[in-house]
Amino acid sequence: MTEKKKIIEARNMSVGYGDTVILKEVTFHVNEGEIFIILGGSGCGKSTLLKNLIGLYDIISGDALIDGQNIGKAEGQELVNIFNKIGVSYQSGALFGSMTLLENVMLPLEEFTDLPQDAREMIAAMKLRLVNLEGFEHFMPSEISGGMQKRAAIARSMALDPQIIFLDEPSAGLDPITSAELDQLIMRLAKNLGITFVIVTHELDSVFTIADRCIFLDKVSKGIIAEGHPKELKEHSKVDFVKRFFNREVETNQKEKI
């Protein structure tokens, strides 16, 4: 069997803020084409880890490699090349309210390419079509639903044809049906376009539906306490907190208090 390509590698990576270490010397990898989920309890460092992987924050120590390139040490054109390989969609969607959906999706093309206006518009319209927003190109973000805003943000993250898309809590604030539709979109994009997804979430329904593999972060140990397919971890994890998390179970003594 051909070994899968590691598109992301974290090697002894410590992250945090200033002198405060949130995660200490974590090591993991993401295979090309995977839907990879970052899980854990509140305050364990899920979003912090994601922001370090995309170069938004400086890594305290260790390395983060994107397609073999070290994002923490890259400069100049090498860093630009890395950024062109990744797309990001934040929890709120972060669309610019004064711009239409088409203009929002065009932003990365204006920043990182020399394409003429008509080509940028054509590509942006195509990306919106990929997320089922054809016909909404000239709508403002305030004129569409929350779920549509999330899809528009994903369209913008795909503007430069990235190899990897990072999503931070994509289902936050969505009703179950809209969340399920978003799950189907992510799986379709991964399958049809070969995009690797790295997703921070705590929505268990989504995790069990879309995840190829996940890591579970722990606030106390500041590390990874479980890794694998979520269904395997739910049924067979030897870590009590992980098993309770996936099964939505509180501790016995906590049940007694309730």
Protein backbone atom coordinates (compact mmCIF):
# COMPACT_ATOMS: atom_id res chain seq x y z
CA MET A 1 0.00 0.00 0.00
CA THR A 2 1.33 3.43 -0.95
CA GLU A 3 2.14 5.55 2.08
CA LYS A 4 0.00 8.66 2.32
CA LYS A 5 1.71 12.01 1.92
CA LYS A 6 1.97 14.08 5.09
CA ILE A 7 0.70 17.50 4.04
CA ILE A 8 1.04 18.97 7.58
CA GLU A 9 3.55 18.01 10.26
CA ALA A 10 3.82 19.38 13.79
CA ARG A 11 7.10 18.42 15.43
CA ASN A 12 7.54 18.97 19.18
CA MET A 13 5.44 22.09 18.80
CA SER A 14 4.79 24.34 21.81
CA VAL A 15 2.25 27.15 21.47
CA GLY A 16 0.78 29.84 23.68
CA TYR A 17 0.86 33.54 24.43
CA GLY A 18 4.01 35.26 25.64
CA ASP A 19 5.39 33.18 28.51
CA THR A 20 2.15 31.20 28.87
CA VAL A 21 2.41 27.75 27.28
CA ILE A 22 -0.97 26.33 26.25
CA LEU A 23 0.30 23.20 24.48
CA LYS A 24 3.71 21.68 25.08
CA GLU A 25 5.78 19.74 22.53
CA VAL A 26 2.90 18.21 20.58
CA THR A 27 3.67 16.05 17.55
CA PHE A 28 1.16 14.93 14.93
CA HIS A 29 0.61 14.93 11.19
CA VAL A 30 -2.23 15.38 8.70
CA ASN A 31 -2.37 13.26 5.56
CA GLU A 32 -3.11 14.77 2.18
CA GLY A 33 -6.84 14.67 1.41
CA GLU A 34 -7.92 13.98 5.00
CA ILE A 35 -10.68 15.66 6.96
CA PHE A 36 -8.76 16.09 10.20
CA ILE A 37 -10.46 17.28 13.38
CA ILE A 38 -8.91 19.03 16.39
CA LEU A 39 -10.93 18.25 19.52
CA GLY A 40 -10.76 18.87 23.24
CA GLY A 41 -12.47 20.50 26.19
CA SER A 42 -12.90 24.24 26.61
CA GLY A 43 -9.64 26.15 26.96
CA CYS A 44 -7.40 23.29 25.84
CA GLY A 45 -5.83 25.26 22.97
CA LYS A 46 -7.70 24.10 19.87
CA SER A 47 -7.98 27.50 18.19
CA THR A 48 -4.54 28.51 19.44
CA LEU A 49 -3.03 25.48 17.73
CA LEU A 50 -4.83 26.28 14.49
CA LYS A 51 -3.64 29.89 14.54
CA ASN A 52 -0.04 28.71 14.99
CA LEU A 53 -0.37 26.23 12.12
CA ILE A 54 -1.44 29.01 9.75
CA GLY A 55 1.28 31.40 10.88
CA LEU A 56 -1.01 33.88 12.62
CA TYR A 57 0.93 33.47 15.89
CA ASP A 58 4.61 32.74 16.44
CA ILE A 59 5.38 29.19 17.56
CA ILE A 60 7.13 29.13 20.95
CA SER A 61 9.29 26.14 20.02
CA GLY A 62 9.30 23.23 17.59
CA ASP A 63 8.23 23.24 13.97
CA ALA A 64 5.11 23.32 11.82
CA LEU A 65 5.55 22.14 8.23
CA ILE A 66 3.06 22.87 5.47
CA ASP A 67 3.75 20.63 2.47
CA GLY A 68 7.34 20.31 3.68
CA GLN A 69 7.92 24.03 4.23
CA ASN A 70 8.46 25.38 7.75
CA ILE A 71 5.87 28.12 8.27
CA GLY A 72 7.52 29.30 11.49
CA LYS A 73 10.87 29.97 9.80
CA ALA A 74 9.84 30.95 6.26
CA GLU A 75 10.29 34.52 5.06
CA GLY A 76 9.62 36.56 1.95
CA GLN A 77 8.50 34.66 -1.13
CA GLU A 78 8.71 31.29 0.62
CA LEU A 79 6.15 32.48 3.17
CA VAL A 80 3.92 33.81 0.40
CA ASN A 81 4.14 30.42 -1.30
CA ILE A 82 3.00 28.72 1.91
CA PHE A 83 0.10 31.14 2.34
CA ASN A 84 -1.00 30.39 -1.22
CA LYS A 85 -1.34 26.71 -0.25
CA ILE A 86 -3.78 27.35 2.58
CA GLY A 87 -7.21 28.87 3.01
CA VAL A 88 -8.86 29.85 6.29
CA SER A 89 -12.44 30.38 7.42
CA TYR A 90 -13.01 31.69 10.93
CA GLN A 91 -15.92 30.99 13.27
CA SER A 92 -17.80 34.18 12.39
CA GLY A 93 -17.07 33.88 8.69
CA ALA A 94 -15.33 37.29 8.86
CA LEU A 95 -16.93 38.58 5.67
CA PHE A 96 -16.62 42.30 4.99
CA GLY A 97 -20.11 43.73 5.46
CA SER A 98 -19.59 46.59 3.02
CA MET A 99 -18.74 44.22 0.15
CA THR A 100 -20.88 41.85 -1.90
CA LEU A 101 -20.22 38.11 -1.72
CA LEU A 102 -18.45 38.29 -5.08
CA GLU A 103 -16.21 41.12 -3.86
CA ASN A 104 -15.42 39.21 -0.66
CA VAL A 105 -14.34 36.12 -2.58
CA MET A 106 -12.29 38.25 -4.98
CA LEU A 107 -10.15 39.74 -2.19
CA PRO A 108 -7.41 37.06 -2.15
CA LEU A 109 -7.22 37.23 -5.94
CA GLU A 110 -6.70 40.98 -5.80
CA GLU A 111 -4.05 40.64 -3.10
CA PHE A 112 -2.03 37.72 -4.45
CA THR A 113 -2.52 37.65 -8.23
CA ASP A 114 -2.14 39.94 -11.24
CA LEU A 115 -5.24 38.60 -12.95
CA PRO A 116 -7.46 41.11 -14.79
CA GLN A 117 -10.78 42.13 -13.28
CA ASP A 118 -12.93 39.93 -15.52
CA ALA A 119 -10.83 36.85 -14.67
CA ARG A 120 -11.08 37.58 -10.93
CA GLU A 121 -14.84 37.95 -11.20
CA MET A 122 -15.14 34.69 -13.15
CA ILE A 123 -13.07 32.74 -10.60
CA ALA A 124 -14.96 34.24 -7.64
CA ALA A 125 -18.29 33.36 -9.24
CA MET A 126 -17.07 29.82 -9.83
CA LYS A 127 -16.07 29.44 -6.17
CA LEU A 128 -19.48 30.66 -5.05
CA ARG A 129 -21.05 28.12 -7.39
CA LEU A 130 -19.01 25.36 -5.73
CA VAL A 131 -20.65 26.17 -2.38
CA ASN A 132 -24.16 26.40 -3.87
CA LEU A 133 -24.35 30.20 -3.84
CA GLU A 134 -24.84 30.78 -7.55
CA GLY A 135 -27.18 33.74 -8.00
CA PHE A 136 -26.11 35.40 -4.74
CA GLU A 137 -22.94 37.05 -6.10
CA HIS A 138 -24.24 40.59 -5.59
CA PHE A 139 -25.89 40.06 -2.21
CA MET A 140 -24.42 41.70 0.88
CA PRO A 141 -23.53 39.46 3.86
CA SER A 142 -26.37 41.03 5.88
CA GLU A 143 -28.87 39.90 3.24
CA ILE A 144 -28.16 36.17 3.58
CA SER A 145 -28.49 33.58 6.36
CA GLY A 146 -25.74 32.52 8.77
CA GLY A 147 -25.28 29.23 6.97
CA MET A 148 -24.90 31.00 3.64
CA GLN A 149 -22.34 33.34 5.19
CA LYS A 150 -20.31 30.31 6.34
CA ARG A 151 -20.42 28.89 2.81
CA ALA A 152 -19.39 32.24 1.32
CA ALA A 153 -16.43 32.32 3.71
CA ILE A 154 -15.42 28.84 2.55
CA ALA A 155 -15.70 30.04 -1.05
CA ARG A 156 -13.32 32.89 -0.24
CA SER A 157 -10.92 30.46 1.43
CA MET A 158 -10.83 28.50 -1.87
CA ALA A 159 -10.12 31.54 -4.06
CA LEU A 160 -6.45 30.67 -4.63
CA ASP A 161 -7.07 26.92 -5.07
CA PRO A 162 -5.41 25.95 -1.76
CA GLN A 163 -4.29 22.44 -0.92
CA ILE A 164 -5.46 22.86 2.69
CA ILE A 165 -8.44 24.65 4.24
CA PHE A 166 -8.53 25.42 7.96
CA LEU A 167 -11.98 25.89 9.53
CA ASP A 168 -12.51 27.21 13.06
CA GLU A 169 -15.87 26.08 14.51
CA PRO A 170 -17.67 26.09 11.13
CA SER A 171 -20.98 24.83 12.60
CA ALA A 172 -21.12 27.32 15.47
CA GLY A 173 -24.51 29.04 15.66
CA LEU A 174 -26.11 26.92 12.95
CA ASP A 175 -29.29 24.87 13.29
CA PRO A 176 -28.92 21.06 12.90
CA ILE A 177 -30.14 20.95 9.29
CA THR A 178 -27.88 23.79 8.13
CA SER A 179 -24.97 22.22 10.02
CA ALA A 180 -25.61 18.88 8.27
CA GLU A 181 -25.68 20.66 4.90
CA LEU A 182 -22.31 22.22 5.71
CA ASP A 183 -20.92 18.79 6.60
CA GLN A 184 -22.04 17.45 3.22
CA LEU A 185 -20.39 20.40 1.48
CA ILE A 186 -17.07 19.78 3.26
CA MET A 187 -17.11 16.09 2.36
CA ARG A 188 -17.97 16.87 -1.26
CA LEU A 189 -15.14 19.40 -1.59
CA ALA A 190 -12.66 16.99 0.01
CA LYS A 191 -13.69 14.16 -2.30
CA ASN A 192 -14.12 16.04 -5.58
CA LEU A 193 -11.29 18.57 -5.26
CA GLY A 194 -8.86 16.64 -3.06
CA ILE A 195 -8.73 19.44 -0.49
CA THR A 196 -7.32 18.63 2.94
CA PHE A 197 -9.47 20.03 5.76
CA VAL A 198 -8.25 20.81 9.27
CA ILE A 199 -11.23 21.65 11.45
CA VAL A 200 -11.58 22.85 15.03
CA THR A 201 -14.98 21.87 16.38
CA HIS A 202 -16.85 20.39 19.33
CA GLU A 203 -19.97 19.40 17.37
CA LEU A 204 -20.03 15.63 17.84
CA ASP A 205 -22.60 14.97 15.12
CA SER A 206 -20.32 16.66 12.60
CA VAL A 207 -17.24 14.90 13.94
CA PHE A 208 -18.75 11.43 13.55
CA THR A 209 -20.05 12.32 10.07
CA ILE A 210 -17.03 13.88 8.41
CA ALA A 211 -13.82 13.02 10.30
CA ASP A 212 -11.21 10.70 8.84
CA ARG A 213 -9.07 11.17 11.94
CA CYS A 214 -8.84 13.43 14.96
CA ILE A 215 -6.57 14.44 17.81
CA PHE A 216 -7.82 15.18 21.30
CA LEU A 217 -6.11 17.96 23.26
CA ASP A 218 -5.96 18.11 27.05
CA LYS A 219 -5.80 21.30 29.11
CA VAL A 220 -4.14 19.70 32.14
CA SER A 221 -1.32 17.81 30.42
CA LYS A 222 -1.02 20.47 27.68
CA GLY A 223 -0.72 17.72 25.12
CA ILE A 224 -2.48 15.21 22.89
CA ILE A 225 -4.14 12.45 24.90
CA ALA A 226 -5.86 10.57 22.06
CA GLU A 227 -5.61 10.21 18.30
CA GLY A 228 -7.57 8.20 15.76
CA HIS A 229 -11.01 7.78 14.21
CA PRO A 230 -13.71 9.25 16.48
CA LYS A 231 -15.85 6.10 16.46
CA GLU A 232 -12.86 4.03 17.60
CA LEU A 233 -12.11 6.53 20.36
CA LYS A 234 -15.74 6.55 21.47
CA GLU A 235 -15.82 2.80 21.86
CA HIS A 236 -12.27 1.85 22.76
CA SER A 237 -10.33 4.82 24.18
CA LYS A 238 -8.50 3.95 27.37
CA VAL A 239 -8.59 7.60 28.47
CA ASP A 240 -11.67 8.12 30.64
CA PHE A 241 -12.23 11.78 29.76
CA VAL A 242 -12.00 11.07 26.03
CA LYS A 243 -14.50 8.23 26.24
CA ARG A 244 -16.88 10.35 28.32
CA PHE A 245 -16.52 13.26 25.88
CA PHE A 246 -17.52 11.18 22.88
CA ASN A 247 -20.35 9.53 24.79
CA ARG A 248 -21.55 12.82 26.35
CA GLU A 249 -21.24 11.43 29.89
CA VAL A 250 -20.53 13.40 33.05
CA GLU A 251 -18.41 12.02 35.88
CA THR A 252 -20.14 9.79 38.41
CA ASN A 253 -19.59 12.20 41.30
CA GLN A 254 -20.87 15.04 39.12
CA LYS A 255 -24.05 13.07 38.42
CA GLU A 256 -24.57 12.77 42.16
CA LYS A 257 -24.27 16.54 42.57
CA ILE A 258 -26.86 17.09 39.86
